[in-house]
Amino acid sequence: MAKLLAHRGLRVTIIITPINAARYSKIIQYAKNFNLKIQFVSFPFPCQEAGLPEGCENMDLIPSPDLIPNFFRASNMLQEPLEKWLQGLESQPSCIISDICFPWTSDVSLRFNIPRIVFHGISCFTLFCSHILSHHHVLKNVNSDSEPFSVPDIPDRIEFTKAQLPEARKDLKAVMERFKEAELSAEGVAVNSFEELEPAYVEGYRKVVKKIWCIGPLSLYNTNEISSYEHKSLKWLDSKKHSSVLYVCFGSLCHFLPQQLIELGMGLEAANYPFIWVVKEGDYSKELVKWLLEEKFEEKLEGRGVPMITWPMFAEQFHNEKLIVQVLKIGARVGAKVIVNWGEEEKLGVLVKRENIKKAINQLMDEGEEGEDRRERATQIGKMAKSAVEEAGSSHLNVTLLIQHVMQLASRDDGEN
């Protein structure tokens, strides 16, 4: 997002911590290469003060779920150095854009009279469904974690269970309420989505917040940043039939038992389609490596408008599944039924069997009418996404409107002063 704004001629400051600065070194170099007005201000992350091991500056670096509260405590402690930095500036920023996970920035915004925009990396479908569940107190009338219930007052018939929703966890209630308060006090929200993807849910959430700007997909602004390592995979992909390869990836925050990874591998093998499987480095247990060698798997690491198999595990991922499978109709479920809280993997055991994995793969790769319709819808959505970020596209226009809104607020404040 910083690059996007800087390419519009704005001066952007990214507040970052040392380890994250190293992670985003490509962005720093990109900004230098293109003479973008992006500066990086690094604040030490207070690991020791918050009771964290040194270097735990991101969620995927935390060694235990017991330390998650400590991580958020450390994040909250960044408020003081940010305020000191703002006090030392000759002129204040025109706007603060902060992720929803930093609700304390609302206090900073109020203290320094700087307009604030909340950034959401999740869909308007998720945001609107969560708002409806909270506004109508739906969960109070649900008796068990496994009882299906419908979300009222939304365009589609969508059912959840409490076991699939982070907002059902009592230990997260205060945190979720703080997030919501901080969001409603902001000037508006910027969402990493595009209006053509989920128009009814964009309009629904527009009635909840002051303003909303769908500015995504942000990933499509990085079209010239393919690494040489990824090119090795592209050569292999080029040798395969169109729409014949599965890409399997769970991101950096999922924690799998070795047995579940093996079950996944067996399901992939049984389906008998070529695949690229990205395995997080920490998931390479001795048991998994031994099995991979025994099965003579070829190691293939790292592969838009494509259909998806959904395997929700935590946070808003069950919302994502409903959007992909039921609303957009571009995906197939693997059959996961509950959120897996970090640290409870051993207790829950293997949740998705190889038979279910094979079934979902065959459903997704089906060459009949249903599979072809799903792929066609996914292709059309991919084209709409690309059009949205192009000049005159909806997301391109929304970035312009966001900038204009911030400039109007800055002019108003200058006039009052």
Protein backbone atom coordinates (compact mmCIF):
# COMPACT_ATOMS: atom_id res chain seq x y z
CA MET A 1 0.00 0.00 0.00
CA ALA A 2 2.92 2.33 0.74
CA LYS A 3 4.25 1.83 -2.80
CA LEU A 4 0.79 2.44 -4.21
CA LEU A 5 0.48 5.79 -2.43
CA ALA A 6 4.07 6.80 -3.16
CA HIS A 7 3.52 6.17 -6.88
CA ARG A 8 0.75 8.79 -6.64
CA GLY A 9 3.35 11.33 -5.49
CA LEU A 10 2.71 11.14 -1.75
CA ARG A 11 5.39 11.08 0.92
CA VAL A 12 4.93 7.91 2.99
CA THR A 13 6.52 6.91 6.28
CA ILE A 14 6.44 3.26 7.35
CA ILE A 15 6.82 2.60 11.06
CA ILE A 16 8.65 -0.71 11.36
CA THR A 17 10.77 -2.83 13.72
CA PRO A 18 14.32 -4.06 12.99
CA ILE A 19 13.55 -7.67 12.04
CA ASN A 20 10.57 -6.64 9.93
CA ALA A 21 12.78 -4.04 8.22
CA ALA A 22 15.08 -6.88 7.18
CA ARG A 23 12.10 -8.84 5.88
CA TYR A 24 10.95 -5.91 3.76
CA SER A 25 14.39 -5.07 2.39
CA LYS A 26 13.06 -5.59 -1.17
CA ILE A 27 10.51 -2.82 -0.65
CA ILE A 28 13.23 -0.55 0.72
CA GLN A 29 15.39 -1.26 -2.33
CA TYR A 30 12.37 -0.84 -4.65
CA ALA A 31 11.68 2.59 -3.17
CA LYS A 32 15.30 3.62 -3.75
CA ASN A 33 15.36 2.30 -7.32
CA PHE A 34 12.22 4.24 -8.29
CA ASN A 35 13.00 7.34 -6.20
CA LEU A 36 9.77 6.91 -4.28
CA LYS A 37 9.19 9.16 -1.30
CA ILE A 38 9.07 6.30 1.22
CA GLN A 39 11.00 6.53 4.45
CA PHE A 40 11.31 3.77 7.04
CA VAL A 41 11.38 4.64 10.73
CA SER A 42 12.47 1.73 12.90
CA PHE A 43 11.40 1.41 16.53
CA PRO A 44 12.93 -1.27 18.77
CA PHE A 45 10.32 -3.93 19.55
CA PRO A 46 10.06 -4.20 23.37
CA CYS A 47 10.43 -7.98 23.58
CA GLN A 48 12.15 -8.08 26.96
CA GLU A 49 9.76 -5.57 28.55
CA ALA A 50 6.76 -7.63 27.41
CA GLY A 51 8.21 -10.98 28.45
CA LEU A 52 9.02 -12.20 24.93
CA PRO A 53 12.19 -13.94 23.72
CA GLU A 54 14.44 -11.53 21.85
CA GLY A 55 13.59 -11.27 18.17
CA CYS A 56 9.88 -12.16 18.40
CA GLU A 57 8.75 -9.20 16.31
CA ASN A 58 6.11 -11.01 14.26
CA MET A 59 3.38 -13.56 14.93
CA ASP A 60 5.15 -16.32 13.02
CA LEU A 61 8.23 -15.93 15.23
CA ILE A 62 6.42 -16.58 18.53
CA PRO A 63 7.51 -20.00 19.86
CA SER A 64 4.40 -20.68 21.95
CA PRO A 65 0.70 -19.70 21.93
CA ASP A 66 1.09 -18.77 25.58
CA LEU A 67 3.11 -15.75 24.43
CA ILE A 68 0.44 -14.26 22.16
CA PRO A 69 -0.82 -11.89 24.92
CA ASN A 70 2.79 -10.80 25.47
CA PHE A 71 3.14 -10.07 21.75
CA PHE A 72 0.09 -7.82 21.74
CA ARG A 73 1.35 -6.16 24.92
CA ALA A 74 4.62 -5.41 23.16
CA SER A 75 2.74 -4.05 20.13
CA ASN A 76 0.74 -1.74 22.40
CA MET A 77 4.00 -0.46 23.91
CA LEU A 78 4.93 1.01 20.51
CA GLN A 79 2.47 3.82 21.20
CA GLU A 80 4.95 5.75 23.36
CA PRO A 81 7.86 5.82 20.85
CA LEU A 82 5.42 6.73 18.06
CA GLU A 83 4.11 9.68 20.06
CA LYS A 84 7.64 10.84 20.88
CA TRP A 85 8.56 10.64 17.19
CA LEU A 86 5.48 12.65 16.20
CA GLN A 87 6.30 15.31 18.80
CA GLY A 88 9.72 15.81 17.21
CA LEU A 89 8.38 16.47 13.71
CA GLU A 90 8.28 19.99 12.28
CA SER A 91 5.01 19.21 10.52
CA GLN A 92 2.54 16.46 11.28
CA PRO A 93 1.45 13.74 8.86
CA SER A 94 -1.80 14.35 7.00
CA CYS A 95 -3.07 10.91 7.93
CA ILE A 96 -2.34 7.74 9.90
CA ILE A 97 -3.16 4.45 8.18
CA SER A 98 -3.04 1.60 10.66
CA ASP A 99 -4.00 -2.04 10.63
CA ILE A 100 -7.07 -3.01 12.64
CA CYS A 101 -4.72 -4.93 14.99
CA PHE A 102 -3.30 -1.62 16.30
CA PRO A 103 -6.36 -0.06 17.95
CA TRP A 104 -4.15 2.11 20.17
CA THR A 105 -3.44 4.28 17.12
CA SER A 106 -6.91 5.74 17.67
CA ASP A 107 -5.55 7.32 20.89
CA VAL A 108 -2.55 8.69 18.99
CA SER A 109 -4.84 10.08 16.30
CA LEU A 110 -7.01 11.82 18.88
CA ARG A 111 -4.10 13.24 20.86
CA PHE A 112 -2.35 14.72 17.80
CA ASN A 113 -5.53 15.53 15.86
CA ILE A 114 -4.38 13.45 12.88
CA PRO A 115 -7.07 11.77 10.76
CA ARG A 116 -6.82 7.97 10.82
CA ILE A 117 -7.79 5.31 8.28
CA VAL A 118 -8.12 1.67 9.35
CA PHE A 119 -6.69 -0.91 6.96
CA HIS A 120 -8.37 -4.31 6.61
CA GLY A 121 -6.70 -7.22 4.88
CA ILE A 122 -9.95 -9.22 5.00
CA SER A 123 -13.06 -9.15 2.80
CA CYS A 124 -16.14 -6.96 3.14
CA PHE A 125 -18.10 -10.22 3.32
CA THR A 126 -16.25 -11.08 6.54
CA LEU A 127 -16.57 -7.57 7.93
CA PHE A 128 -20.31 -7.35 7.24
CA CYS A 129 -21.10 -10.85 8.54
CA SER A 130 -19.15 -10.17 11.75
CA HIS A 131 -20.98 -6.87 12.20
CA ILE A 132 -24.38 -8.52 11.74
CA LEU A 133 -23.57 -11.30 14.22
CA SER A 134 -22.53 -8.71 16.80
CA HIS A 135 -25.30 -6.19 16.09
CA HIS A 136 -28.08 -8.80 16.34
CA HIS A 137 -26.46 -10.68 19.26
CA VAL A 138 -26.89 -13.86 17.22
CA LEU A 139 -24.46 -16.01 19.22
CA LYS A 140 -26.42 -15.53 22.47
CA ASN A 141 -29.22 -17.65 21.03
CA VAL A 142 -26.96 -20.52 19.91
CA ASN A 143 -26.87 -23.35 22.44
CA SER A 144 -23.86 -25.41 21.35
CA ASP A 145 -20.59 -25.03 19.46
CA SER A 146 -21.76 -27.45 16.75
CA GLU A 147 -25.29 -26.06 16.18
CA PRO A 148 -25.58 -24.48 12.69
CA PHE A 149 -27.19 -21.05 12.52
CA SER A 150 -27.87 -18.57 9.71
CA VAL A 151 -26.54 -15.02 9.48
CA PRO A 152 -29.59 -12.72 9.22
CA ASP A 153 -30.02 -9.69 6.95
CA ILE A 154 -27.36 -10.56 4.37
CA PRO A 155 -27.82 -11.25 0.63
CA ASP A 156 -26.96 -14.97 0.76
CA ARG A 157 -28.00 -17.82 3.01
CA ILE A 158 -24.85 -18.45 5.04
CA GLU A 159 -24.56 -20.82 7.98
CA PHE A 160 -21.83 -21.06 10.61
CA THR A 161 -21.29 -22.86 13.89
CA LYS A 162 -19.78 -21.18 16.95
CA ALA A 163 -16.79 -23.51 16.64
CA GLN A 164 -15.95 -21.79 13.33
CA LEU A 165 -15.97 -18.21 14.59
CA PRO A 166 -13.23 -16.33 16.50
CA GLU A 167 -15.89 -13.92 17.80
CA ALA A 168 -17.43 -16.83 19.73
CA ARG A 169 -14.34 -17.12 21.94
CA LYS A 170 -14.98 -15.41 25.28
CA ASP A 171 -11.27 -14.73 25.79
CA LEU A 172 -11.27 -12.60 22.62
CA LYS A 173 -14.41 -10.59 23.40
CA ALA A 174 -12.63 -7.58 24.93
CA VAL A 175 -10.07 -7.52 22.09
CA MET A 176 -12.76 -7.66 19.40
CA GLU A 177 -14.72 -4.86 21.08
CA ARG A 178 -11.58 -2.71 21.23
CA PHE A 179 -10.97 -3.31 17.52
CA LYS A 180 -14.53 -2.30 16.69
CA GLU A 181 -14.38 0.88 18.80
CA ALA A 182 -11.14 1.91 17.10
CA GLU A 183 -12.62 1.23 13.67
CA LEU A 184 -15.79 3.23 14.24
CA SER A 185 -13.80 6.23 15.50
CA ALA A 186 -11.70 6.32 12.30
CA GLU A 187 -12.38 8.48 9.25
CA GLY A 188 -13.03 5.33 7.29
CA VAL A 189 -11.62 1.97 6.25
CA ALA A 190 -9.41 0.88 3.36
CA VAL A 191 -10.02 -2.74 2.38
CA ASN A 192 -7.82 -5.08 0.38
CA SER A 193 -10.70 -6.10 -1.87
CA PHE A 194 -12.40 -4.75 -4.99
CA GLU A 195 -16.00 -3.70 -5.48
CA GLU A 196 -16.79 -6.07 -8.36
CA LEU A 197 -15.88 -9.09 -6.22
CA GLU A 198 -18.49 -8.58 -3.51
CA PRO A 199 -20.69 -5.56 -4.39
CA ALA A 200 -23.59 -6.37 -2.05
CA TYR A 201 -21.27 -6.77 0.94
CA VAL A 202 -19.33 -3.61 0.12
CA GLU A 203 -22.63 -1.70 0.13
CA GLY A 204 -23.72 -3.44 3.32
CA TYR A 205 -20.57 -2.47 5.18
CA ARG A 206 -20.66 1.05 3.73
CA LYS A 207 -23.68 1.63 5.99
CA VAL A 208 -21.68 0.57 9.07
CA VAL A 209 -18.53 2.72 8.79
CA LYS A 210 -18.09 6.39 7.91
CA LYS A 211 -16.39 5.70 4.59
CA ILE A 212 -15.00 2.66 2.78
CA TRP A 213 -12.43 2.44 0.01
CA CYS A 214 -11.82 -0.92 -1.67
CA ILE A 215 -8.28 -0.55 -3.04
CA GLY A 216 -7.22 -4.11 -3.86
CA PRO A 217 -6.09 -6.62 -4.69
CA LEU A 218 -2.84 -5.04 -3.50
CA SER A 219 -0.86 -8.09 -4.65
CA LEU A 220 -1.58 -7.15 -8.27
CA TYR A 221 0.54 -4.02 -7.89
CA ASN A 222 3.63 -6.28 -7.52
CA THR A 223 3.58 -7.76 -11.02
CA ASN A 224 7.26 -7.03 -11.71
CA GLU A 225 8.65 -8.64 -8.56
CA ILE A 226 9.04 -12.34 -9.39
CA SER A 227 12.23 -13.77 -7.90
CA SER A 228 14.67 -16.02 -9.73
CA TYR A 229 13.74 -18.82 -7.32
CA GLU A 230 10.15 -18.64 -8.45
CA HIS A 231 11.29 -18.83 -12.08
CA LYS A 232 12.49 -22.40 -11.45
CA SER A 233 8.95 -23.36 -10.55
CA LEU A 234 7.59 -21.48 -13.55
CA LYS A 235 9.73 -23.57 -15.90
CA TRP A 236 8.26 -26.73 -14.38
CA LEU A 237 4.75 -25.27 -14.62
CA ASP A 238 5.29 -24.39 -18.29
CA SER A 239 5.81 -28.09 -19.00
CA LYS A 240 2.37 -28.99 -17.64
CA LYS A 241 -1.07 -28.88 -19.25
CA HIS A 242 -3.09 -25.70 -18.65
CA SER A 243 -5.16 -25.83 -15.41
CA SER A 244 -3.68 -29.21 -14.46
CA VAL A 245 -1.45 -28.30 -11.48
CA LEU A 246 -2.47 -27.90 -7.83
CA TYR A 247 -0.81 -25.22 -5.70
CA VAL A 248 -0.83 -26.18 -2.01
CA CYS A 249 0.05 -23.51 0.56
CA PHE A 250 -1.12 -22.64 4.08
CA GLY A 251 0.85 -19.48 4.82
CA SER A 252 3.22 -18.81 7.70
CA LEU A 253 0.86 -19.02 10.69
CA CYS A 254 -0.63 -22.52 10.33
CA HIS A 255 0.68 -25.26 12.61
CA PHE A 256 0.26 -28.86 11.43
CA LEU A 257 0.95 -32.13 13.16
CA PRO A 258 3.36 -34.28 11.11
CA GLN A 259 0.57 -36.86 10.86
CA GLN A 260 -1.76 -34.29 9.29
CA LEU A 261 0.90 -33.24 6.78
CA ILE A 262 1.43 -36.88 5.85
CA GLU A 263 -2.33 -37.33 5.48
CA LEU A 264 -2.35 -34.32 3.16
CA GLY A 265 0.50 -35.78 1.13
CA MET A 266 -1.25 -39.12 0.82
CA GLY A 267 -4.41 -37.37 -0.37
CA LEU A 268 -2.41 -35.43 -2.98
CA GLU A 269 -0.73 -38.61 -4.17
CA ALA A 270 -4.03 -40.51 -4.34
CA ALA A 271 -5.64 -37.78 -6.46
CA ASN A 272 -2.77 -38.20 -8.95
CA TYR A 273 -2.51 -34.61 -10.18
CA PRO A 274 0.81 -32.71 -10.45
CA PHE A 275 1.21 -30.23 -7.60
CA ILE A 276 3.45 -27.64 -6.02
CA TRP A 277 3.41 -27.96 -2.24
CA VAL A 278 4.85 -25.15 -0.12
CA VAL A 279 5.82 -26.45 3.33
CA LYS A 280 6.80 -24.03 6.08
CA GLU A 281 10.38 -24.62 7.17
CA GLY A 282 9.42 -25.43 10.76
CA ASP A 283 7.07 -28.19 9.58
CA TYR A 284 9.95 -30.32 8.29
CA SER A 285 9.91 -32.80 11.19
CA LYS A 286 12.06 -35.93 11.00
CA GLU A 287 8.88 -37.96 10.60
CA LEU A 288 7.74 -35.90 7.60
CA VAL A 289 11.15 -35.93 5.89
CA LYS A 290 11.41 -39.70 6.35
CA TRP A 291 7.96 -40.18 4.79
CA LEU A 292 8.73 -37.87 1.86
CA LEU A 293 11.88 -39.82 1.08
CA GLU A 294 10.10 -43.16 1.38
CA GLU A 295 7.36 -42.01 -0.99
CA LYS A 296 10.00 -40.61 -3.40
CA PHE A 297 8.23 -37.27 -3.55
CA GLU A 298 9.91 -34.68 -5.74
CA GLU A 299 10.40 -31.54 -3.67
CA LYS A 300 8.72 -28.61 -5.37
CA LEU A 301 8.64 -25.39 -3.39
CA GLU A 302 6.78 -22.21 -4.40
CA GLY A 303 3.39 -21.21 -8.00
CA ARG A 304 -4.39 -15.79 -10.22
CA GLY A 305 -8.07 -16.23 -11.37
CA VAL A 306 -8.01 -19.87 -10.27
CA PRO A 307 -10.52 -22.06 -8.40
CA MET A 308 -9.59 -23.08 -4.85
CA ILE A 309 -9.87 -25.88 -2.34
CA THR A 310 -10.64 -24.35 1.06
CA TRP A 311 -9.21 -25.63 4.34
CA PRO A 312 -10.09 -23.06 7.01
CA MET A 313 -8.09 -23.30 10.23
CA PHE A 314 -8.26 -20.09 12.29
CA ALA A 315 -9.27 -16.42 12.44
CA GLU A 316 -11.71 -15.42 9.65
CA GLN A 317 -10.87 -18.37 7.40
CA PHE A 318 -14.32 -19.97 7.69
CA HIS A 319 -15.74 -16.66 6.41
CA ASN A 320 -13.31 -16.94 3.48
CA GLU A 321 -14.57 -20.45 2.76
CA LYS A 322 -18.21 -19.31 2.67
CA LEU A 323 -17.31 -16.45 0.32
CA ILE A 324 -15.28 -18.66 -2.02
CA VAL A 325 -17.56 -21.71 -2.09
CA GLN A 326 -21.09 -20.34 -1.60
CA VAL A 327 -21.05 -16.72 -2.77
CA LEU A 328 -18.45 -16.70 -5.55
CA LYS A 329 -18.83 -20.43 -6.32
CA ILE A 330 -15.19 -20.88 -7.27
CA GLY A 331 -14.08 -23.42 -4.67
CA ALA A 332 -14.52 -26.82 -3.08
CA ARG A 333 -14.41 -27.64 0.64
CA VAL A 334 -11.92 -30.08 2.06
CA GLY A 335 -14.23 -30.70 5.02
CA ALA A 336 -12.71 -28.86 8.01
CA LYS A 337 -15.38 -28.16 10.63
CA VAL A 338 -13.74 -26.30 13.53
CA ILE A 339 -11.14 -23.64 14.25
CA VAL A 340 -7.82 -25.10 15.37
CA ASN A 341 -6.45 -22.95 18.18
CA TRP A 342 -2.67 -22.85 18.26
CA GLY A 343 -1.43 -25.30 20.89
CA GLU A 344 -4.45 -27.60 20.59
CA GLU A 345 -3.27 -29.51 17.52
CA GLU A 346 -2.26 -32.59 19.53
CA LYS A 347 -5.62 -32.68 21.31
CA LEU A 348 -7.61 -32.48 18.07
CA GLY A 349 -5.37 -34.84 16.10
CA VAL A 350 -5.82 -35.44 12.37
CA LEU A 351 -8.93 -33.48 11.35
CA VAL A 352 -8.95 -33.98 7.59
CA LYS A 353 -8.45 -37.47 6.18
CA ARG A 354 -6.78 -38.33 2.88
CA GLU A 355 -10.11 -39.52 1.45
CA ASN A 356 -11.63 -36.06 1.95
CA ILE A 357 -8.57 -34.41 0.43
CA LYS A 358 -8.72 -36.65 -2.63
CA LYS A 359 -12.48 -36.02 -2.99
CA ALA A 360 -12.03 -32.23 -2.84
CA ILE A 361 -9.19 -32.36 -5.39
CA ASN A 362 -11.22 -34.46 -7.81
CA GLN A 363 -14.16 -32.09 -7.39
CA LEU A 364 -11.97 -29.07 -8.09
CA MET A 365 -10.16 -30.61 -11.07
CA ASP A 366 -13.34 -32.09 -12.56
CA GLU A 367 -13.33 -31.68 -16.34
CA GLY A 368 -17.12 -31.89 -16.59
CA GLU A 369 -19.62 -29.03 -16.73
CA GLU A 370 -19.48 -28.20 -13.01
CA GLY A 371 -15.69 -28.00 -12.95
CA GLU A 372 -15.59 -26.00 -16.16
CA ASP A 373 -18.16 -23.51 -14.81
CA ARG A 374 -16.11 -23.10 -11.64
CA ARG A 375 -12.93 -22.43 -13.59
CA GLU A 376 -14.70 -19.97 -15.90
CA ARG A 377 -16.06 -18.01 -12.91
CA ALA A 378 -12.60 -17.93 -11.35
CA THR A 379 -11.08 -16.71 -14.62
CA GLN A 380 -13.65 -13.92 -14.90
CA ILE A 381 -12.98 -12.83 -11.31
CA GLY A 382 -9.26 -12.77 -12.08
CA LYS A 383 -9.91 -10.49 -15.06
CA MET A 384 -12.12 -8.21 -12.94
CA ALA A 385 -9.38 -8.00 -10.30
CA LYS A 386 -6.80 -6.93 -12.88
CA SER A 387 -9.20 -4.35 -14.34
CA ALA A 388 -9.93 -2.96 -10.88
CA VAL A 389 -6.31 -1.94 -10.27
CA GLU A 390 -5.73 -0.52 -13.75
CA GLU A 391 -6.16 3.17 -14.50
CA ALA A 392 -9.90 4.01 -14.47
CA GLY A 393 -10.60 0.77 -12.57
CA SER A 394 -12.67 0.81 -9.38
CA SER A 395 -9.75 0.30 -6.99
CA HIS A 396 -7.61 2.85 -8.84
CA LEU A 397 -10.47 5.35 -8.52
CA ASN A 398 -10.93 4.53 -4.83
CA VAL A 399 -7.27 5.27 -4.13
CA THR A 400 -7.82 8.67 -5.76
CA LEU A 401 -10.93 9.26 -3.64
CA LEU A 402 -9.09 8.25 -0.47
CA ILE A 403 -6.26 10.68 -1.23
CA GLN A 404 -8.74 13.47 -2.03
CA HIS A 405 -10.59 12.85 1.24
CA VAL A 406 -7.38 13.07 3.28
CA MET A 407 -6.34 16.28 1.45
CA GLN A 408 -9.74 17.82 2.19
CA LEU A 409 -9.35 16.97 5.87
CA ALA A 410 -5.85 18.47 5.89
CA SER A 411 -7.10 21.67 4.22
CA ARG A 412 -9.93 21.91 6.75
CA ASP A 413 -7.53 21.54 9.67
CA ASP A 414 -5.15 24.14 8.18
CA GLY A 415 -8.07 26.54 7.84
CA GLU A 416 -9.09 26.03 11.45
CA ASN A 417 -5.53 26.66 12.60
